[in-house]
Protein backbone atom coordinates (compact mmCIF):
# COMPACT_ATOMS: atom_id res chain seq x y z
CA MET A 1 -0.02 -0.02 0.01
CA ASN A 2 2.89 2.40 0.83
CA ASP A 3 4.63 1.69 -2.49
CA LYS A 4 2.78 4.56 -4.19
CA TYR A 5 4.51 7.15 -1.91
CA ILE A 6 7.92 8.51 -3.05
CA THR A 7 10.49 10.61 -1.26
CA VAL A 8 11.05 14.28 -1.72
CA SER A 9 14.42 13.59 -3.23
CA SER A 10 12.82 11.25 -5.78
CA LEU A 11 10.30 13.90 -6.74
CA THR A 12 12.94 16.59 -7.00
CA LYS A 13 15.13 14.37 -9.15
CA TYR A 14 12.17 13.60 -11.41
CA ILE A 15 11.32 17.31 -11.84
CA LYS A 16 14.98 18.05 -12.46
CA TYR A 17 15.12 15.33 -15.08
CA LYS A 18 12.06 16.71 -16.87
CA ILE A 19 13.39 20.25 -16.89
CA ASP A 20 16.88 19.22 -17.92
CA ASN A 21 15.50 17.30 -20.82
CA ASP A 22 13.06 19.96 -21.99
CA ILE A 23 14.55 21.27 -25.18
CA HIS A 24 12.85 24.60 -24.68
CA LEU A 25 14.72 25.13 -21.39
CA GLN A 26 18.16 24.16 -22.60
CA GLU A 27 18.86 27.68 -23.80
CA VAL A 28 16.65 30.54 -22.74
CA PHE A 29 17.00 34.27 -23.26
CA ILE A 30 15.60 36.46 -20.50
CA ARG A 31 15.36 40.19 -19.93
CA GLY A 32 15.21 41.34 -16.32
CA GLU A 33 16.54 43.47 -13.51
CA ILE A 34 19.32 42.36 -11.13
CA SER A 35 18.53 42.32 -7.43
CA ASN A 36 20.27 40.86 -4.33
CA PHE A 37 23.55 40.74 -6.21
CA LYS A 38 26.41 38.93 -4.38
CA ALA A 39 29.90 38.31 -5.71
CA HIS A 40 31.47 35.21 -4.16
CA SER A 41 35.12 35.24 -3.17
CA ARG A 42 35.70 32.44 -5.73
CA GLY A 43 34.37 34.59 -8.53
CA HIS A 44 30.79 33.28 -8.81
CA PHE A 45 27.86 35.68 -9.07
CA TYR A 46 24.62 34.98 -7.24
CA PHE A 47 21.62 37.21 -7.85
CA THR A 48 17.90 37.44 -8.54
CA LEU A 49 16.52 38.26 -11.93
CA LYS A 50 13.11 39.95 -11.78
CA ASP A 51 10.50 41.98 -13.56
CA GLU A 52 7.35 43.72 -12.28
CA THR A 53 5.61 40.56 -11.12
CA SER A 54 8.02 37.63 -10.96
CA ARG A 55 11.52 36.66 -10.07
CA ILE A 56 13.97 33.78 -10.55
CA ASN A 57 17.21 32.89 -8.82
CA ALA A 58 20.29 33.03 -10.99
CA ILE A 59 23.90 31.89 -10.72
CA MET A 60 26.82 32.62 -13.01
CA PHE A 61 29.97 30.66 -12.44
CA ALA A 62 33.48 32.16 -12.42
CA SER A 63 34.35 30.61 -15.77
CA ASN A 64 31.69 32.89 -17.31
CA THR A 65 31.96 35.97 -15.05
CA ASN A 66 35.57 36.49 -16.10
CA LYS A 67 34.34 37.24 -19.65
CA LEU A 68 32.01 40.08 -18.66
CA PRO A 69 33.10 43.54 -19.72
CA PHE A 70 31.14 45.24 -16.90
CA LYS A 71 30.45 44.69 -13.22
CA PRO A 72 26.82 43.79 -12.48
CA MET A 73 25.04 45.56 -9.61
CA ASP A 74 21.61 45.88 -8.13
CA GLY A 75 19.17 47.78 -10.32
CA MET A 76 20.82 46.94 -13.60
CA LYS A 77 18.62 45.72 -16.39
CA VAL A 78 20.33 42.93 -18.27
CA LEU A 79 19.85 40.38 -21.05
CA VAL A 80 20.94 36.97 -19.95
CA THR A 81 21.45 33.64 -21.77
CA GLY A 82 21.38 30.38 -19.87
CA LYS A 83 19.61 27.12 -19.06
CA ILE A 84 16.92 26.30 -16.50
CA SER A 85 17.60 23.55 -13.98
CA VAL A 86 16.68 22.53 -10.45
CA TYR A 87 18.93 22.88 -7.41
CA GLU A 88 18.14 19.60 -5.64
CA ALA A 89 19.07 20.81 -2.15
CA THR A 90 16.23 23.33 -2.10
CA GLY A 91 14.01 22.01 -4.85
CA ALA A 92 14.03 25.50 -6.43
CA TYR A 93 14.48 26.04 -10.10
CA GLN A 94 17.03 28.58 -11.25
CA ILE A 95 18.79 29.82 -14.27
CA TYR A 96 22.47 29.05 -14.85
CA VAL A 97 23.72 32.09 -16.75
CA SER A 98 26.30 31.62 -19.44
CA ASP A 99 26.29 35.10 -20.85
CA MET A 100 25.01 38.57 -19.85
CA LEU A 101 24.57 41.87 -21.63
CA GLU A 102 23.59 45.28 -20.28
CA ASP A 103 20.07 46.36 -21.07
CA GLY A 104 20.22 49.75 -19.38
CA VAL A 105 19.95 50.62 -15.69
CA GLY A 106 16.83 49.90 -13.72
CA ASN A 107 14.45 52.65 -12.64
CA LEU A 108 15.39 52.35 -9.00
CA TYR A 109 19.06 52.68 -9.75
CA ILE A 110 18.41 55.78 -11.89
CA ALA A 111 16.33 57.36 -9.08
CA TYR A 112 19.08 56.46 -6.56
CA GLU A 113 21.78 58.17 -8.68
CA GLN A 114 19.68 61.24 -9.31
CA LEU A 115 18.85 61.80 -5.62
CA LYS A 116 22.45 61.13 -4.60
CA LYS A 117 23.73 63.74 -7.05
CA LYS A 118 21.12 66.27 -5.91
CA LEU A 119 21.83 65.89 -2.20
CA GLU A 120 25.60 65.87 -2.73
CA GLU A 121 25.39 69.17 -4.59
CA GLU A 122 23.35 70.62 -1.68
CA GLY A 123 26.17 69.70 0.70
CA LEU A 124 24.37 66.94 2.64
CA PHE A 125 27.33 64.62 2.28
CA ARG A 126 30.06 67.15 3.36
CA THR A 127 32.51 65.69 5.82
CA ASP A 128 33.04 68.99 7.62
CA GLN A 129 29.42 68.87 8.79
CA LYS A 130 29.66 65.40 10.28
CA LYS A 131 29.18 65.24 14.05
CA LYS A 132 31.52 63.20 16.24
CA ILE A 133 30.25 60.09 17.95
CA PRO A 134 30.78 60.36 21.70
CA LYS A 135 33.31 57.86 23.08
CA ILE A 136 31.25 56.86 26.09
CA PRO A 137 27.54 57.60 25.58
CA GLU A 138 24.98 57.34 28.35
CA LYS A 139 21.80 57.11 26.18
CA ILE A 140 21.50 55.45 22.80
CA GLY A 141 18.45 55.70 20.56
CA ILE A 142 17.70 52.96 18.02
CA VAL A 143 15.39 53.59 15.05
CA THR A 144 14.55 50.23 13.50
CA ALA A 145 11.92 47.50 13.38
CA PRO A 146 11.01 46.20 16.87
CA THR A 147 11.43 42.58 15.65
CA GLY A 148 14.05 40.97 13.52
CA ALA A 149 17.74 40.24 13.57
CA ALA A 150 18.86 43.90 13.44
CA ILE A 151 17.51 44.95 16.86
CA ARG A 152 18.65 41.70 18.44
CA ASP A 153 22.18 42.09 17.07
CA ILE A 154 22.39 45.72 18.18
CA LEU A 155 21.19 45.10 21.72
CA SER A 156 23.23 41.96 22.28
CA THR A 157 26.38 43.66 21.03
CA ILE A 158 25.86 46.76 23.22
CA ASN A 159 25.10 44.63 26.30
CA ARG A 160 28.23 42.55 25.68
CA ARG A 161 30.54 45.49 25.07
CA TRP A 162 29.21 48.23 27.39
CA PRO A 163 26.22 47.23 29.60
CA TYR A 164 26.28 50.57 31.47
CA VAL A 165 24.51 52.49 28.69
CA THR A 166 20.69 52.89 28.46
CA THR A 167 19.10 52.05 25.12
CA TYR A 168 15.80 53.34 23.78
CA LEU A 169 13.94 51.74 20.89
CA PHE A 170 11.98 53.95 18.55
CA PRO A 171 10.08 51.27 16.59
CA SER A 172 9.61 51.99 12.94
CA LEU A 173 8.59 50.38 9.71
CA VAL A 174 11.68 49.69 7.63
CA GLN A 175 10.04 48.37 4.47
CA GLY A 176 7.03 49.25 2.37
CA MET A 177 5.27 52.36 1.12
CA GLU A 178 4.76 53.99 4.51
CA ALA A 179 8.21 53.21 5.87
CA LYS A 180 9.93 56.40 4.76
CA GLU A 181 7.50 58.67 6.67
CA ASP A 182 7.73 56.42 9.73
CA ILE A 183 11.48 56.36 9.73
CA ALA A 184 11.73 60.16 9.36
CA ARG A 185 9.16 60.69 12.16
CA GLN A 186 10.96 58.37 14.58
CA ILE A 187 14.31 60.03 13.78
CA LYS A 188 12.82 63.40 14.81
CA ASN A 189 11.29 61.84 17.95
CA ALA A 190 14.63 60.28 18.95
CA ASP A 191 16.48 63.53 18.23
CA ASN A 192 14.21 65.41 20.68
CA PHE A 193 14.64 62.71 23.39
CA GLY A 194 18.10 63.80 24.39
CA CYS A 195 20.08 60.75 23.30
CA ASP A 196 23.90 60.89 22.90
CA VAL A 197 23.83 58.99 19.66
CA LEU A 198 21.27 57.36 17.33
CA ILE A 199 21.50 54.14 15.38
CA VAL A 200 19.26 54.12 12.29
CA GLY A 201 18.98 51.02 10.11
CA ARG A 202 17.80 47.52 9.44
CA GLY A 203 19.08 44.16 8.35
CA GLY A 204 19.95 43.09 4.81
CA GLY A 205 17.63 42.63 1.89
CA SER A 206 17.11 43.43 -1.74
CA ILE A 207 17.37 46.94 -3.13
CA GLU A 208 13.56 47.12 -2.90
CA ASP A 209 13.65 46.09 0.76
CA LEU A 210 16.22 48.73 1.56
CA TRP A 211 14.68 51.46 -0.61
CA SER A 212 13.09 53.36 2.30
CA PHE A 213 16.64 54.43 3.30
CA ASN A 214 17.12 55.91 -0.19
CA GLU A 215 14.19 58.28 0.17
CA GLU A 216 14.76 62.04 0.36
CA ILE A 217 12.59 62.54 3.44
CA VAL A 218 14.75 60.08 5.40
CA ALA A 219 17.99 61.72 4.19
CA ARG A 220 16.84 65.20 5.27
CA ALA A 221 15.66 63.96 8.66
CA ILE A 222 19.10 62.49 9.26
CA PHE A 223 20.82 65.71 8.08
CA ASP A 224 18.63 67.95 10.23
CA ALA A 225 19.13 65.90 13.42
CA LYS A 226 21.21 67.52 16.17
CA THR A 227 22.13 64.10 17.58
CA PRO A 228 25.03 62.18 15.93
CA ILE A 229 23.65 59.36 13.76
CA ILE A 230 25.19 55.99 12.82
CA SER A 231 23.66 54.50 9.68
CA ALA A 232 23.40 50.70 9.70
CA VAL A 233 21.48 49.55 6.70
CA GLY A 234 21.85 46.05 5.19
CA HIS A 235 25.20 44.39 4.72
CA GLU A 236 28.64 45.68 4.06
CA VAL A 237 28.14 45.76 0.25
CA ASP A 238 24.86 47.73 0.54
CA PHE A 239 25.17 51.52 0.26
CA THR A 240 22.12 53.72 0.68
CA ILE A 241 21.54 57.46 0.62
CA ALA A 242 21.16 57.35 4.39
CA ASP A 243 24.78 56.06 4.64
CA PHE A 244 26.15 59.11 2.84
CA VAL A 245 24.14 61.61 4.93
CA ALA A 246 24.76 60.01 8.29
CA ASP A 247 27.65 61.12 10.51
CA VAL A 248 29.10 57.57 10.38
CA ARG A 249 28.26 54.61 8.20
CA ALA A 250 28.44 51.13 9.74
CA PRO A 251 28.69 48.06 7.51
CA THR A 252 26.07 46.19 9.54
CA PRO A 253 23.77 46.72 12.54
CA THR A 254 26.31 44.81 14.66
CA GLY A 255 29.03 47.14 13.37
CA ALA A 256 26.93 50.15 14.33
CA ALA A 257 26.60 48.87 17.93
CA GLU A 258 30.40 48.38 18.10
CA MET A 259 30.92 52.00 16.88
CA ALA A 260 28.33 53.38 19.32
CA VAL A 261 29.88 52.02 22.56
CA PRO A 262 33.38 51.19 23.71
CA SER A 263 34.43 47.72 24.77
CA GLU A 264 34.47 47.33 28.51
CA GLU A 265 37.59 45.21 28.26
CA ASP A 266 39.31 47.83 26.11
CA VAL A 267 38.33 50.58 28.52
CA ARG A 268 39.70 48.63 31.46
CA LYS A 269 42.97 48.03 29.59
CA HIS A 270 43.19 51.66 28.71
CA LEU A 271 42.55 52.73 32.29
CA LYS A 272 45.18 50.26 33.46
CA GLN A 273 47.66 51.74 31.01
CA LEU A 274 46.82 55.25 32.20
CA GLU A 275 47.32 54.11 35.79
CA ILE A 276 50.70 52.63 34.94
CA ARG A 277 51.70 55.78 33.07
CA ALA A 278 50.47 58.06 35.87
CA THR A 279 52.31 55.99 38.49
CA LYS A 280 55.47 56.07 36.44
CA ILE A 281 55.24 59.77 35.74
CA THR A 282 54.50 60.51 39.48
CA SER A 283 57.44 58.35 40.51
CA ASN A 284 59.80 60.17 38.09
CA ILE A 285 58.61 63.55 39.24
CA THR A 286 59.03 62.61 42.91
CA LYS A 287 62.51 61.22 42.17
CA LEU A 288 63.55 64.42 40.40
CA LYS A 289 62.16 66.60 43.18
CA ARG A 290 63.94 64.55 45.84
CA GLU A 291 67.22 64.86 43.94
CA LYS A 292 66.72 68.63 43.59
CA LEU A 293 65.88 68.88 47.31
CA THR A 294 69.03 66.89 48.18
CA GLN A 295 71.11 69.24 46.02
CA ILE A 296 69.64 72.29 47.70
CA THR A 297 69.95 70.98 51.30
CA SER A 298 73.56 69.91 50.67
CA LYS A 299 74.65 73.47 49.86
CA TYR A 300 76.88 75.36 52.27
CA ILE A 301 74.23 77.93 53.11
CA PHE A 302 71.84 75.29 54.48
CA LYS A 303 74.53 73.63 56.51
CA ASN A 304 75.60 77.03 57.96
CA ILE A 305 72.26 78.74 58.36
CA ASN A 306 73.78 81.45 60.64
CA SER A 307 75.84 82.71 57.70
CA ILE A 308 72.64 84.09 56.19
CA TYR A 309 71.91 86.71 58.81
CA GLU A 310 75.29 87.23 60.58
CA PRO A 311 76.62 89.61 57.86
CA LYS A 312 73.29 91.45 57.96
CA GLU A 313 73.47 91.66 61.74
CA GLN A 314 76.96 93.11 61.52
CA ALA A 315 75.94 95.65 58.88
CA PHE A 316 72.89 96.64 60.96
CA SER A 317 75.06 97.17 64.05
CA TYR A 318 77.47 99.34 62.06
CA ILE A 319 74.59 101.49 60.67
CA LEU A 320 72.99 101.78 64.13
CA ASP A 321 76.25 102.96 65.72
CA LYS A 322 76.79 105.43 62.90
CA LEU A 323 73.27 106.74 63.34
CA LYS A 324 73.76 107.26 67.08
CA THR A 325 77.11 109.03 66.54
CA THR A 326 75.68 111.28 63.80
CA SER A 327 72.58 112.10 65.82
CA LYS A 328 74.72 112.99 68.89
CA ASN A 329 76.98 115.22 66.82
CA LEU A 330 74.03 116.96 65.22
CA ILE A 331 72.42 117.61 68.59
CA MET A 332 75.71 119.03 69.98
CA GLN A 333 76.11 121.26 66.93
CA LYS A 334 72.58 122.68 67.25
CA GLN A 335 73.02 123.15 71.00
CA LYS A 336 76.18 125.13 70.35
CA GLU A 337 74.40 127.34 67.80
CA LEU A 338 71.58 127.88 70.31
CA ASP A 339 74.05 128.93 73.00
CA ASN A 340 75.64 131.37 70.57
CA TYR A 341 72.26 132.93 69.82
CA LYS A 342 71.50 133.27 73.52
CA SER A 343 74.82 135.02 74.24
CA SER A 344 74.54 137.47 71.32
CA PHE A 345 74.04 141.29 71.88
CA ILE A 346 70.82 141.35 69.91
CA PHE A 347 69.26 138.49 71.95
CA LYS A 348 70.11 140.38 75.14
CA ASN A 349 68.78 143.69 73.69
CA PRO A 350 65.66 142.75 71.70
CA ASP A 351 64.47 146.42 71.55
CA LEU A 352 67.13 147.16 68.98
CA LEU A 353 65.38 144.84 66.61
CA LEU A 354 62.32 147.15 66.71
CA ASP A 355 64.06 150.55 66.32
CA LYS A 356 64.69 150.37 62.60
CA PRO A 357 61.10 149.44 61.60
CA LYS A 358 59.79 152.06 63.99
CA ASN A 359 61.89 154.86 62.47
CA LYS A 360 60.84 153.84 58.99
CA TYR A 361 57.19 153.95 60.05
CA LEU A 362 57.56 157.52 61.44
CA GLN A 363 59.19 158.69 58.25
CA MET A 364 56.27 157.40 56.15
CA ILE A 365 53.76 159.10 58.44
CA SER A 366 55.62 162.38 58.01
CA LYS A 367 55.52 162.10 54.21
CA LEU A 368 51.81 161.38 54.26
CA GLU A 369 51.11 164.39 56.41
CA THR A 370 53.15 166.66 54.06
CA LEU A 371 51.10 165.48 51.09
CA SER A 372 47.73 165.54 52.88
CA PRO A 373 45.20 168.07 51.49
CA LEU A 374 43.92 168.60 55.07
CA LEU A 375 47.21 170.20 55.97
CA THR A 376 46.75 172.57 52.98
CA LEU A 377 43.29 173.53 54.20
CA LYS A 378 44.71 174.34 57.63
CA ARG A 379 46.91 176.99 56.02
CA GLY A 380 43.80 178.84 54.68
CA TYR A 381 43.37 177.32 51.31
CA ALA A 382 40.11 175.86 49.91
CA ILE A 383 39.24 173.26 47.30
CA VAL A 384 36.78 174.47 44.69
CA LYS A 385 34.39 171.88 43.24
CA LYS A 386 31.87 172.10 40.45
CA GLU A 387 29.33 169.34 40.33
CA GLY A 388 31.59 167.29 42.68
CA LYS A 389 34.68 167.74 40.52
CA ALA A 390 37.67 169.84 41.57
CA ILE A 391 38.46 172.80 39.26
CA THR A 392 41.84 174.45 38.95
CA THR A 393 41.25 177.28 36.36
CA LYS A 394 38.71 180.03 35.89
CA LYS A 395 38.12 178.79 32.37
CA ASP A 396 35.98 176.04 33.92
CA VAL A 397 33.71 178.59 35.59
CA LYS A 398 31.06 180.98 34.18
CA ALA A 399 28.52 183.33 35.62
CA LYS A 400 25.75 181.89 37.83
CA ASP A 401 27.67 178.52 38.27
CA LYS A 402 27.03 177.01 41.67
CA LEU A 403 30.23 175.92 43.35
CA SER A 404 31.20 174.31 46.67
CA LEU A 405 34.26 175.35 48.70
CA ALA A 406 35.84 172.68 50.84
CA LEU A 407 37.35 174.38 53.91
CA GLN A 408 39.09 172.98 57.02
CA ASP A 409 35.84 172.74 58.98
CA GLY A 410 33.33 171.99 56.20
CA GLU A 411 31.86 173.02 52.85
CA VAL A 412 30.34 176.38 51.70
CA LYS A 413 28.00 176.81 48.71
CA VAL A 414 28.57 179.88 46.53
CA GLU A 415 27.29 181.27 43.17
CA VAL A 416 29.52 182.93 40.61
CA ILE A 417 28.51 186.62 39.87
CA SER A 418 30.78 187.43 36.96
C-alpha cells in the first residue's frame, strides 16, 4: 500500500530530469533586472533576476563571469542567456547564466543616482558637517523594526561590550510604502529625546527592501538631526543614501553597535595603562624633586644657616652705631648754635630789633602828612568843586555857576557873579 509514496528527493530528481531534458529550457533568453547581487570570493555571481511581477534565482559561475566587460550591480537591467535547472538541495528552479549583456539601468538605480547627485550638490554629504560620535555615551536611541535580527544584534552587542548604557527603541517600519515617513518621524522623535547617539537602520535585503533608506525625506531627517547618527542599513556591500548623509556609516547593525559604545575590556585596559603611566610619571617627578631637594639641602648655606643673617646683623650694628654718633654730633652742633644765639648782643637787647622798623614807620607818616590836602586847608586854602569835581582854572567857571568850597571845617555853597 505504501509503495505509491515517493520521497522528496525522488520527486525533486524527477522534476529536475524533466526540466533538464526539456529542449525549450536548454537555452533561454531572459530580460530582467538584477537584485540581491552577491559576488562570491571564488568569482561566482549569485543574484535574482526579476520583472514587475516575478523573479527567478540566478547563478553565473566564475568561468563565465571572467568574460563580462562590466560589473553587475543591483538595479541593472540585463539580457541573460542560460539554461533552466533545479537545485536539488532546495528544490528550487534557477537559471544558470552563461552570458550577460547590459540592457540599461533599472528605474530604482536611476532614481538612486539622481537623488544622490542632488543631495551631494546641496552639501548633505560634506565631511566637515559630520558630528563626532561620543566615546562613552549614556543614552543610545535605536530607530529600526522592533522585531528581527537587526535589533537583536544591536542590543546583544551593546550589552556585551558596554552594559552601562541605556538604550531606547523607537520602533519604525523599515520596508514598504509607509516606511519612509515612519522612519523620518521616529528620527525626529529620537532627536528630541536627548540621546547621545542614534543608530538608524535595518538588516539586509534586496534593493527594494532597503529602498526606504534611499528616500529624500529620510535623508533630510538624518541631516537635520542635532544628535550624531550612525547609519546601519543592510550588509557591508549595501550603500544607501542614508549612509552618505549619516555622520558615520556602519557596514552592519552589529558594526553600528560596536561603533556606538566602547568595549568594557578595552576601557579597562586603557585605564590600566593610564594608571601605569600616571604611576610612572609621578614616581619620576618625585624622584627628580627629591634629587633637587638633596642638592639644595647639601649646599653650604643650608649647613651654615647662621651665615645668612650674621653679615646682615653686623651691617645693621654698624649702621645703628653710625646713626647714634651722627645724631649725637648733630644735637651738639645745634646746642652750640643755640648757646651762641643766647649770648649774642641782639638776643640780650631785643628792643634794637624794633628801632629800625619804627623809624621807617615815622618817616612814612611824616611824608603822608606833608602830602595831605587837610594840611593845605589848615593853612587857609580851599578846594573848589563844580558838580563834585575839583576845578583848577577860571576857564572852567562861568557866571551863575554853583560851586562848593571845601574848607578845614566843612563846605560852603557859593554862586559865581561874573
